[in-house]
Amino acid sequence: MRIEVRRTGGFAGTTRRWRVDTDAAGDPSAWSDVLDALQRSPAPTDAPVPDDFSWTITVERTTVTIPGRRLDGPWADLVARVQSEGDQT
């Protein structure tokens, strides 16, 4: 399964991207646990705040956008894992 994370905004307005293919990862079942947690936690939404980051997360064909100040719980866990184990593009 392909997961992409894109962070935009912030004071400088920069964009950074990370990508991971969970099927090629060392422990696909651990990724499954992280993704299962998302099912129980709907993506938080809110109006964007100037100079805050915005996170766009795509898992297969589903994309959500979360304001930076609302990124928490399983969504924050997913972002952190993609950043640490994925490739920055």
PDB file of N, CA and C in Angstrom:
ATOM      1  N   MET A   1       0.839  -1.163   0.000  1.00  0.00           N
ATOM      2  CA  MET A   1       0.000   0.000   0.000  1.00  0.00           C
ATOM      3  C   MET A   1       0.894   1.239   0.000  1.00  0.00           C
ATOM      4  N   ARG A   2       0.504   2.192  -0.768  1.00  0.00           N
ATOM      5  CA  ARG A   2       1.287   3.421  -0.884  1.00  0.00           C
ATOM      6  C   ARG A   2       0.681   4.518  -0.006  1.00  0.00           C
ATOM      7  N   ILE A   3       1.537   5.171   0.779  1.00  0.00           N
ATOM      8  CA  ILE A   3       1.117   6.277   1.628  1.00  0.00           C
ATOM      9  C   ILE A   3       1.982   7.482   1.289  1.00  0.00           C
ATOM     10  N   GLU A   4       1.337   8.614   1.075  1.00  0.00           N
ATOM     11  CA  GLU A   4       2.053   9.859   0.799  1.00  0.00           C
ATOM     12  C   GLU A   4       1.616  10.916   1.795  1.00  0.00           C
ATOM     13  N   VAL A   5       2.591  11.689   2.275  1.00  0.00           N
ATOM     14  CA  VAL A   5       2.335  12.790   3.206  1.00  0.00           C
ATOM     15  C   VAL A   5       2.936  14.049   2.599  1.00  0.00           C
ATOM     16  N   ARG A   6       2.148  15.107   2.585  1.00  0.00           N
ATOM     17  CA  ARG A   6       2.632  16.392   2.075  1.00  0.00           C
ATOM     18  C   ARG A   6       2.356  17.455   3.131  1.00  0.00           C
ATOM     19  N   ARG A   7       3.398  18.218   3.461  1.00  0.00           N
ATOM     20  CA  ARG A   7       3.252  19.321   4.412  1.00  0.00           C
ATOM     21  C   ARG A   7       3.447  20.617   3.648  1.00  0.00           C
ATOM     22  N   THR A   8       2.476  21.492   3.739  1.00  0.00           N
ATOM     23  CA  THR A   8       2.568  22.791   3.070  1.00  0.00           C
ATOM     24  C   THR A   8       2.340  23.891   4.087  1.00  0.00           C
ATOM     25  N   GLY A   9       2.720  25.100   3.692  1.00  0.00           N
ATOM     26  CA  GLY A   9       2.460  26.262   4.529  1.00  0.00           C
ATOM     27  C   GLY A   9       3.610  26.602   5.446  1.00  0.00           C
ATOM     28  N   GLY A  10       3.250  27.033   6.626  1.00  0.00           N
ATOM     29  CA  GLY A  10       4.255  27.522   7.558  1.00  0.00           C
ATOM     30  C   GLY A  10       4.634  28.944   7.195  1.00  0.00           C
ATOM     31  N   PHE A  11       5.499  29.518   7.953  1.00  0.00           N
ATOM     32  CA  PHE A  11       5.912  30.901   7.740  1.00  0.00           C
ATOM     33  C   PHE A  11       6.532  31.107   6.359  1.00  0.00           C
ATOM     34  N   ALA A  12       7.353  30.138   5.907  1.00  0.00           N
ATOM     35  CA  ALA A  12       8.032  30.265   4.616  1.00  0.00           C
ATOM     36  C   ALA A  12       7.188  29.753   3.455  1.00  0.00           C
ATOM     37  N   GLY A  13       6.087  29.080   3.747  1.00  0.00           N
ATOM     38  CA  GLY A  13       5.216  28.582   2.686  1.00  0.00           C
ATOM     39  C   GLY A  13       5.829  27.453   1.865  1.00  0.00           C
ATOM     40  N   THR A  14       6.693  26.671   2.461  1.00  0.00           N
ATOM     41  CA  THR A  14       7.357  25.596   1.729  1.00  0.00           C
ATOM     42  C   THR A  14       6.509  24.325   1.714  1.00  0.00           C
ATOM     43  N   THR A  15       6.839  23.449   0.771  1.00  0.00           N
ATOM     44  CA  THR A  15       6.180  22.148   0.658  1.00  0.00           C
ATOM     45  C   THR A  15       7.228  21.062   0.788  1.00  0.00           C
ATOM     46  N   ARG A  16       6.916  20.051   1.600  1.00  0.00           N
ATOM     47  CA  ARG A  16       7.776  18.870   1.727  1.00  0.00           C
ATOM     48  C   ARG A  16       6.904  17.640   1.567  1.00  0.00           C
ATOM     49  N   ARG A  17       7.483  16.597   0.976  1.00  0.00           N
ATOM     50  CA  ARG A  17       6.734  15.372   0.733  1.00  0.00           C
ATOM     51  C   ARG A  17       7.527  14.162   1.188  1.00  0.00           C
ATOM     52  N   TRP A  18       6.784  13.155   1.677  1.00  0.00           N
ATOM     53  CA  TRP A  18       7.360  11.866   2.037  1.00  0.00           C
ATOM     54  C   TRP A  18       6.459  10.784   1.470  1.00  0.00           C
ATOM     55  N   ARG A  19       7.058   9.643   1.163  1.00  0.00           N
ATOM     56  CA  ARG A  19       6.303   8.549   0.561  1.00  0.00           C
ATOM     57  C   ARG A  19       6.840   7.226   1.074  1.00  0.00           C
ATOM     58  N   VAL A  20       5.937   6.262   1.272  1.00  0.00           N
ATOM     59  CA  VAL A  20       6.346   4.927   1.688  1.00  0.00           C
ATOM     60  C   VAL A  20       5.430   3.899   1.019  1.00  0.00           C
ATOM     61  N   ASP A  21       6.002   2.775   0.667  1.00  0.00           N
ATOM     62  CA  ASP A  21       5.240   1.637   0.172  1.00  0.00           C
ATOM     63  C   ASP A  21       5.271   0.597   1.286  1.00  0.00           C
ATOM     64  N   THR A  22       4.157   0.403   1.961  1.00  0.00           N
ATOM     65  CA  THR A  22       4.130  -0.478   3.124  1.00  0.00           C
ATOM     66  C   THR A  22       4.374  -1.934   2.759  1.00  0.00           C
ATOM     67  N   ASP A  23       4.069  -2.328   1.521  1.00  0.00           N
ATOM     68  CA  ASP A  23       4.296  -3.709   1.095  1.00  0.00           C
ATOM     69  C   ASP A  23       5.786  -4.035   1.026  1.00  0.00           C
ATOM     70  N   ALA A  24       6.601  -3.011   0.808  1.00  0.00           N
ATOM     71  CA  ALA A  24       8.044  -3.213   0.714  1.00  0.00           C
ATOM     72  C   ALA A  24       8.739  -2.944   2.054  1.00  0.00           C
ATOM     73  N   ALA A  25       7.970  -2.536   3.057  1.00  0.00           N
ATOM     74  CA  ALA A  25       8.540  -2.213   4.369  1.00  0.00           C
ATOM     75  C   ALA A  25       8.954  -3.485   5.107  1.00  0.00           C
ATOM     76  N   GLY A  26       9.825  -3.313   6.078  1.00  0.00           N
ATOM     77  CA  GLY A  26      10.326  -4.440   6.848  1.00  0.00           C
ATOM     78  C   GLY A  26       9.259  -5.137   7.683  1.00  0.00           C
ATOM     79  N   ASP A  27       8.231  -4.404   8.123  1.00  0.00           N
ATOM     80  CA  ASP A  27       7.197  -4.985   8.977  1.00  0.00           C
ATOM     81  C   ASP A  27       5.811  -4.496   8.533  1.00  0.00           C
ATOM     82  N   PRO A  28       5.263  -5.072   7.458  1.00  0.00           N
ATOM     83  CA  PRO A  28       3.964  -4.615   6.951  1.00  0.00           C
ATOM     84  C   PRO A  28       2.829  -4.727   7.977  1.00  0.00           C
ATOM     85  N   SER A  29       2.891  -5.701   8.893  1.00  0.00           N
ATOM     86  CA  SER A  29       1.810  -5.843   9.863  1.00  0.00           C
ATOM     87  C   SER A  29       1.769  -4.663  10.839  1.00  0.00           C
ATOM     88  N   ALA A  30       2.915  -4.088  11.158  1.00  0.00           N
ATOM     89  CA  ALA A  30       2.934  -2.910  12.028  1.00  0.00           C
ATOM     90  C   ALA A  30       2.267  -1.727  11.334  1.00  0.00           C
ATOM     91  N   TRP A  31       2.456  -1.603  10.029  1.00  0.00           N
ATOM     92  CA  TRP A  31       1.771  -0.551   9.269  1.00  0.00           C
ATOM     93  C   TRP A  31       0.264  -0.786   9.304  1.00  0.00           C
ATOM     94  N   SER A  32      -0.125  -2.033   9.229  1.00  0.00           N
ATOM     95  CA  SER A  32      -1.548  -2.373   9.275  1.00  0.00           C
ATOM     96  C   SER A  32      -2.167  -1.904  10.586  1.00  0.00           C
ATOM     97  N   ASP A  33      -1.439  -2.053  11.687  1.00  0.00           N
ATOM     98  CA  ASP A  33      -1.934  -1.596  12.989  1.00  0.00           C
ATOM     99  C   ASP A  33      -2.140  -0.087  13.008  1.00  0.00           C
ATOM    100  N   VAL A  34      -1.188   0.637  12.441  1.00  0.00           N
ATOM    101  CA  VAL A  34      -1.293   2.102  12.388  1.00  0.00           C
ATOM    102  C   VAL A  34      -2.494   2.508  11.541  1.00  0.00           C
ATOM    103  N   LEU A  35      -2.664   1.870  10.399  1.00  0.00           N
ATOM    104  CA  LEU A  35      -3.776   2.212   9.501  1.00  0.00           C
ATOM    105  C   LEU A  35      -5.121   1.821  10.106  1.00  0.00           C
ATOM    106  N   ASP A  36      -5.169   0.716  10.836  1.00  0.00           N
ATOM    107  CA  ASP A  36      -6.411   0.313  11.504  1.00  0.00           C
ATOM    108  C   ASP A  36      -6.841   1.352  12.530  1.00  0.00           C
ATOM    109  N   ALA A  37      -5.881   1.961  13.206  1.00  0.00           N
ATOM    110  CA  ALA A  37      -6.197   2.992  14.204  1.00  0.00           C
ATOM    111  C   ALA A  37      -6.870   4.199  13.553  1.00  0.00           C
ATOM    112  N   LEU A  38      -6.554   4.469  12.290  1.00  0.00           N
ATOM    113  CA  LEU A  38      -7.171   5.599  11.588  1.00  0.00           C
ATOM    114  C   LEU A  38      -8.665   5.370  11.379  1.00  0.00           C
ATOM    115  N   GLN A  39      -9.053   4.116  11.238  1.00  0.00           N
ATOM    116  CA  GLN A  39     -10.469   3.788  11.046  1.00  0.00           C
ATOM    117  C   GLN A  39     -11.308   4.227  12.245  1.00  0.00           C
ATOM    118  N   ARG A  40     -10.700   4.223  13.416  1.00  0.00           N
ATOM    119  CA  ARG A  40     -11.419   4.574  14.647  1.00  0.00           C
ATOM    120  C   ARG A  40     -11.277   6.062  15.002  1.00  0.00           C
ATOM    121  N   SER A  41     -10.531   6.795  14.188  1.00  0.00           N
ATOM    122  CA  SER A  41     -10.280   8.203  14.491  1.00  0.00           C
ATOM    123  C   SER A  41     -10.450   9.034  13.220  1.00  0.00           C
ATOM    124  N   PRO A  42     -11.632   9.603  13.004  1.00  0.00           N
ATOM    125  CA  PRO A  42     -11.820  10.406  11.796  1.00  0.00           C
ATOM    126  C   PRO A  42     -10.838  11.576  11.741  1.00  0.00           C
ATOM    127  N   ALA A  43     -10.473  11.957  10.545  1.00  0.00           N
ATOM    128  CA  ALA A  43      -9.524  13.054  10.361  1.00  0.00           C
ATOM    129  C   ALA A  43     -10.117  14.349  10.901  1.00  0.00           C
ATOM    130  N   PRO A  44      -9.388  15.037  11.777  1.00  0.00           N
ATOM    131  CA  PRO A  44      -9.883  16.308  12.299  1.00  0.00           C
ATOM    132  C   PRO A  44      -9.866  17.372  11.205  1.00  0.00           C
ATOM    133  N   THR A  45     -10.870  18.202  11.218  1.00  0.00           N
ATOM    134  CA  THR A  45     -10.933  19.290  10.240  1.00  0.00           C
ATOM    135  C   THR A  45     -11.126  20.603  10.980  1.00  0.00           C
ATOM    136  N   ASP A  46     -10.733  21.637  10.350  1.00  0.00           N
ATOM    137  CA  ASP A  46     -10.861  22.981  10.910  1.00  0.00           C
ATOM    138  C   ASP A  46     -10.422  23.948   9.819  1.00  0.00           C
ATOM    139  N   ALA A  47     -10.735  25.192   9.996  1.00  0.00           N
ATOM    140  CA  ALA A  47     -10.276  26.201   9.048  1.00  0.00           C
ATOM    141  C   ALA A  47      -8.765  26.380   9.190  1.00  0.00           C
ATOM    142  N   PRO A  48      -8.064  26.594   8.079  1.00  0.00           N
ATOM    143  CA  PRO A  48      -6.620  26.824   8.179  1.00  0.00           C
ATOM    144  C   PRO A  48      -6.308  28.106   8.941  1.00  0.00           C
ATOM    145  N   VAL A  49      -5.142  28.115   9.548  1.00  0.00           N
ATOM    146  CA  VAL A  49      -4.665  29.275  10.297  1.00  0.00           C
ATOM    147  C   VAL A  49      -3.449  29.819   9.554  1.00  0.00           C
ATOM    148  N   PRO A  50      -3.357  31.145   9.357  1.00  0.00           N
ATOM    149  CA  PRO A  50      -2.184  31.688   8.676  1.00  0.00           C
ATOM    150  C   PRO A  50      -0.883  31.242   9.338  1.00  0.00           C
ATOM    151  N   ASP A  51       0.094  30.926   8.525  1.00  0.00           N
ATOM    152  CA  ASP A  51       1.439  30.517   8.951  1.00  0.00           C
ATOM    153  C   ASP A  51       1.474  29.157   9.652  1.00  0.00           C
ATOM    154  N   ASP A  52       0.376  28.423   9.646  1.00  0.00           N
ATOM    155  CA  ASP A  52       0.352  27.072  10.208  1.00  0.00           C
ATOM    156  C   ASP A  52       0.601  26.093   9.062  1.00  0.00           C
ATOM    157  N   PHE A  53       1.087  24.914   9.392  1.00  0.00           N
ATOM    158  CA  PHE A  53       1.236  23.882   8.381  1.00  0.00           C
ATOM    159  C   PHE A  53      -0.116  23.262   8.069  1.00  0.00           C
ATOM    160  N   SER A  54      -0.201  22.684   6.902  1.00  0.00           N
ATOM    161  CA  SER A  54      -1.344  21.893   6.496  1.00  0.00           C
ATOM    162  C   SER A  54      -0.796  20.548   6.034  1.00  0.00           C
ATOM    163  N   TRP A  55      -1.377  19.466   6.511  1.00  0.00           N
ATOM    164  CA  TRP A  55      -0.910  18.115   6.191  1.00  0.00           C
ATOM    165  C   TRP A  55      -1.918  17.438   5.279  1.00  0.00           C
ATOM    166  N   THR A  56      -1.479  16.983   4.121  1.00  0.00           N
ATOM    167  CA  THR A  56      -2.318  16.232   3.206  1.00  0.00           C
ATOM    168  C   THR A  56      -1.790  14.807   3.180  1.00  0.00           C
ATOM    169  N   ILE A  57      -2.646  13.880   3.568  1.00  0.00           N
ATOM    170  CA  ILE A  57      -2.251  12.485   3.709  1.00  0.00           C
ATOM    171  C   ILE A  57      -3.075  11.653   2.738  1.00  0.00           C
ATOM    172  N   THR A  58      -2.383  10.876   1.907  1.00  0.00           N
ATOM    173  CA  THR A  58      -3.054  10.004   0.951  1.00  0.00           C
ATOM    174  C   THR A  58      -2.681   8.563   1.266  1.00  0.00           C
ATOM    175  N   VAL A  59      -3.698   7.758   1.506  1.00  0.00           N
ATOM    176  CA  VAL A  59      -3.526   6.326   1.718  1.00  0.00           C
ATOM    177  C   VAL A  59      -4.297   5.650   0.597  1.00  0.00           C
ATOM    178  N   GLU A  60      -3.553   5.049  -0.329  1.00  0.00           N
ATOM    179  CA  GLU A  60      -4.142   4.464  -1.534  1.00  0.00           C
ATOM    180  C   GLU A  60      -4.903   5.551  -2.284  1.00  0.00           C
ATOM    181  N   ARG A  61      -6.218   5.494  -2.312  1.00  0.00           N
ATOM    182  CA  ARG A  61      -7.014   6.472  -3.075  1.00  0.00           C
ATOM    183  C   ARG A  61      -7.785   7.438  -2.190  1.00  0.00           C
ATOM    184  N   THR A  62      -7.515   7.419  -0.909  1.00  0.00           N
ATOM    185  CA  THR A  62      -8.214   8.305   0.018  1.00  0.00           C
ATOM    186  C   THR A  62      -7.261   9.396   0.480  1.00  0.00           C
ATOM    187  N   THR A  63      -7.698  10.645   0.350  1.00  0.00           N
ATOM    188  CA  THR A  63      -6.872  11.790   0.734  1.00  0.00           C
ATOM    189  C   THR A  63      -7.622  12.641   1.750  1.00  0.00           C
ATOM    190  N   VAL A  64      -6.919  13.021   2.805  1.00  0.00           N
ATOM    191  CA  VAL A  64      -7.467  13.938   3.807  1.00  0.00           C
ATOM    192  C   VAL A  64      -6.471  15.074   4.009  1.00  0.00           C
ATOM    193  N   THR A  65      -6.985  16.226   4.379  1.00  0.00           N
ATOM    194  CA  THR A  65      -6.139  17.372   4.699  1.00  0.00           C
ATOM    195  C   THR A  65      -6.462  17.795   6.124  1.00  0.00           C
ATOM    196  N   ILE A  66      -5.404  17.925   6.917  1.00  0.00           N
ATOM    197  CA  ILE A  66      -5.556  18.234   8.335  1.00  0.00           C
ATOM    198  C   ILE A  66      -4.738  19.479   8.660  1.00  0.00           C
ATOM    199  N   PRO A  67      -5.356  20.488   9.306  1.00  0.00           N
ATOM    200  CA  PRO A  67      -4.580  21.652   9.740  1.00  0.00           C
ATOM    201  C   PRO A  67      -3.516  21.234  10.751  1.00  0.00           C
ATOM    202  N   GLY A  68      -2.369  21.881  10.691  1.00  0.00           N
ATOM    203  CA  GLY A  68      -1.249  21.523  11.549  1.00  0.00           C
ATOM    204  C   GLY A  68      -1.577  21.480  13.027  1.00  0.00           C
ATOM    205  N   ARG A  69      -2.352  22.427  13.501  1.00  0.00           N
ATOM    206  CA  ARG A  69      -2.661  22.469  14.933  1.00  0.00           C
ATOM    207  C   ARG A  69      -3.618  21.368  15.353  1.00  0.00           C
ATOM    208  N   ARG A  70      -4.229  20.677  14.378  1.00  0.00           N
ATOM    209  CA  ARG A  70      -5.155  19.589  14.693  1.00  0.00           C
ATOM    210  C   ARG A  70      -4.576  18.202  14.436  1.00  0.00           C
ATOM    211  N   LEU A  71      -3.317  18.152  13.992  1.00  0.00           N
ATOM    212  CA  LEU A  71      -2.675  16.863  13.713  1.00  0.00           C
ATOM    213  C   LEU A  71      -2.287  16.208  15.032  1.00  0.00           C
ATOM    214  N   ASP A  72      -3.029  15.158  15.410  1.00  0.00           N
ATOM    215  CA  ASP A  72      -2.725  14.459  16.651  1.00  0.00           C
ATOM    216  C   ASP A  72      -3.223  13.021  16.568  1.00  0.00           C
ATOM    217  N   GLY A  73      -3.045  12.287  17.644  1.00  0.00           N
ATOM    218  CA  GLY A  73      -3.513  10.908  17.711  1.00  0.00           C
ATOM    219  C   GLY A  73      -2.912  10.027  16.626  1.00  0.00           C
ATOM    220  N   PRO A  74      -3.713   9.102  16.089  1.00  0.00           N
ATOM    221  CA  PRO A  74      -3.204   8.164  15.093  1.00  0.00           C
ATOM    222  C   PRO A  74      -2.724   8.852  13.810  1.00  0.00           C
ATOM    223  N   TRP A  75      -3.314  10.016  13.495  1.00  0.00           N
ATOM    224  CA  TRP A  75      -2.878  10.733  12.296  1.00  0.00           C
ATOM    225  C   TRP A  75      -1.457  11.252  12.473  1.00  0.00           C
ATOM    226  N   ALA A  76      -1.155  11.781  13.644  1.00  0.00           N
ATOM    227  CA  ALA A  76       0.209  12.243  13.929  1.00  0.00           C
ATOM    228  C   ALA A  76       1.176  11.069  13.952  1.00  0.00           C
ATOM    229  N   ASP A  77       0.728   9.928  14.487  1.00  0.00           N
ATOM    230  CA  ASP A  77       1.571   8.728  14.501  1.00  0.00           C
ATOM    231  C   ASP A  77       1.902   8.288  13.080  1.00  0.00           C
ATOM    232  N   LEU A  78       0.901   8.309  12.210  1.00  0.00           N
ATOM    233  CA  LEU A  78       1.122   7.923  10.813  1.00  0.00           C
ATOM    234  C   LEU A  78       2.110   8.864  10.134  1.00  0.00           C
ATOM    235  N   VAL A  79       1.927  10.165  10.314  1.00  0.00           N
ATOM    236  CA  VAL A  79       2.825  11.149   9.706  1.00  0.00           C
ATOM    237  C   VAL A  79       4.254  10.937  10.201  1.00  0.00           C
ATOM    238  N   ALA A  80       4.427  10.766  11.500  1.00  0.00           N
ATOM    239  CA  ALA A  80       5.770  10.574  12.062  1.00  0.00           C
ATOM    240  C   ALA A  80       6.418   9.313  11.499  1.00  0.00           C
ATOM    241  N   ARG A  81       5.645   8.267  11.348  1.00  0.00           N
ATOM    242  CA  ARG A  81       6.212   7.011  10.841  1.00  0.00           C
ATOM    243  C   ARG A  81       6.587   7.131   9.370  1.00  0.00           C
ATOM    244  N   VAL A  82       5.745   7.778   8.578  1.00  0.00           N
ATOM    245  CA  VAL A  82       6.074   7.979   7.160  1.00  0.00           C
ATOM    246  C   VAL A  82       7.320   8.845   7.038  1.00  0.00           C
ATOM    247  N   GLN A  83       7.433   9.873   7.854  1.00  0.00           N
ATOM    248  CA  GLN A  83       8.615  10.732   7.809  1.00  0.00           C
ATOM    249  C   GLN A  83       9.870   9.962   8.177  1.00  0.00           C
ATOM    250  N   SER A  84       9.797   9.086   9.172  1.00  0.00           N
ATOM    251  CA  SER A  84      11.004   8.402   9.626  1.00  0.00           C
ATOM    252  C   SER A  84      11.371   7.203   8.759  1.00  0.00           C
ATOM    253  N   GLU A  85      10.378   6.521   8.186  1.00  0.00           N
ATOM    254  CA  GLU A  85      10.663   5.311   7.431  1.00  0.00           C
ATOM    255  C   GLU A  85      10.526   5.462   5.923  1.00  0.00           C
ATOM    256  N   GLY A  86       9.890   6.539   5.489  1.00  0.00           N
ATOM    257  CA  GLY A  86       9.660   6.745   4.068  1.00  0.00           C
ATOM    258  C   GLY A  86      10.778   7.528   3.404  1.00  0.00           C
ATOM    259  N   ASP A  87      10.581   7.753   2.126  1.00  0.00           N
ATOM    260  CA  ASP A  87      11.530   8.538   1.341  1.00  0.00           C
ATOM    261  C   ASP A  87      11.007   9.948   1.199  1.00  0.00           C
ATOM    262  N   GLN A  88      11.884  10.915   1.402  1.00  0.00           N
ATOM    263  CA  GLN A  88      11.496  12.299   1.155  1.00  0.00           C
ATOM    264  C   GLN A  88      11.634  12.555  -0.331  1.00  0.00           C
ATOM    265  N   THR A  89      10.610  13.141  -0.917  1.00  0.00           N
ATOM    266  CA  THR A  89      10.644  13.416  -2.356  1.00  0.00           C
ATOM    267  C   THR A  89      10.622  14.886  -2.642  1.00  0.00           C
TER     268      THR A  89
END
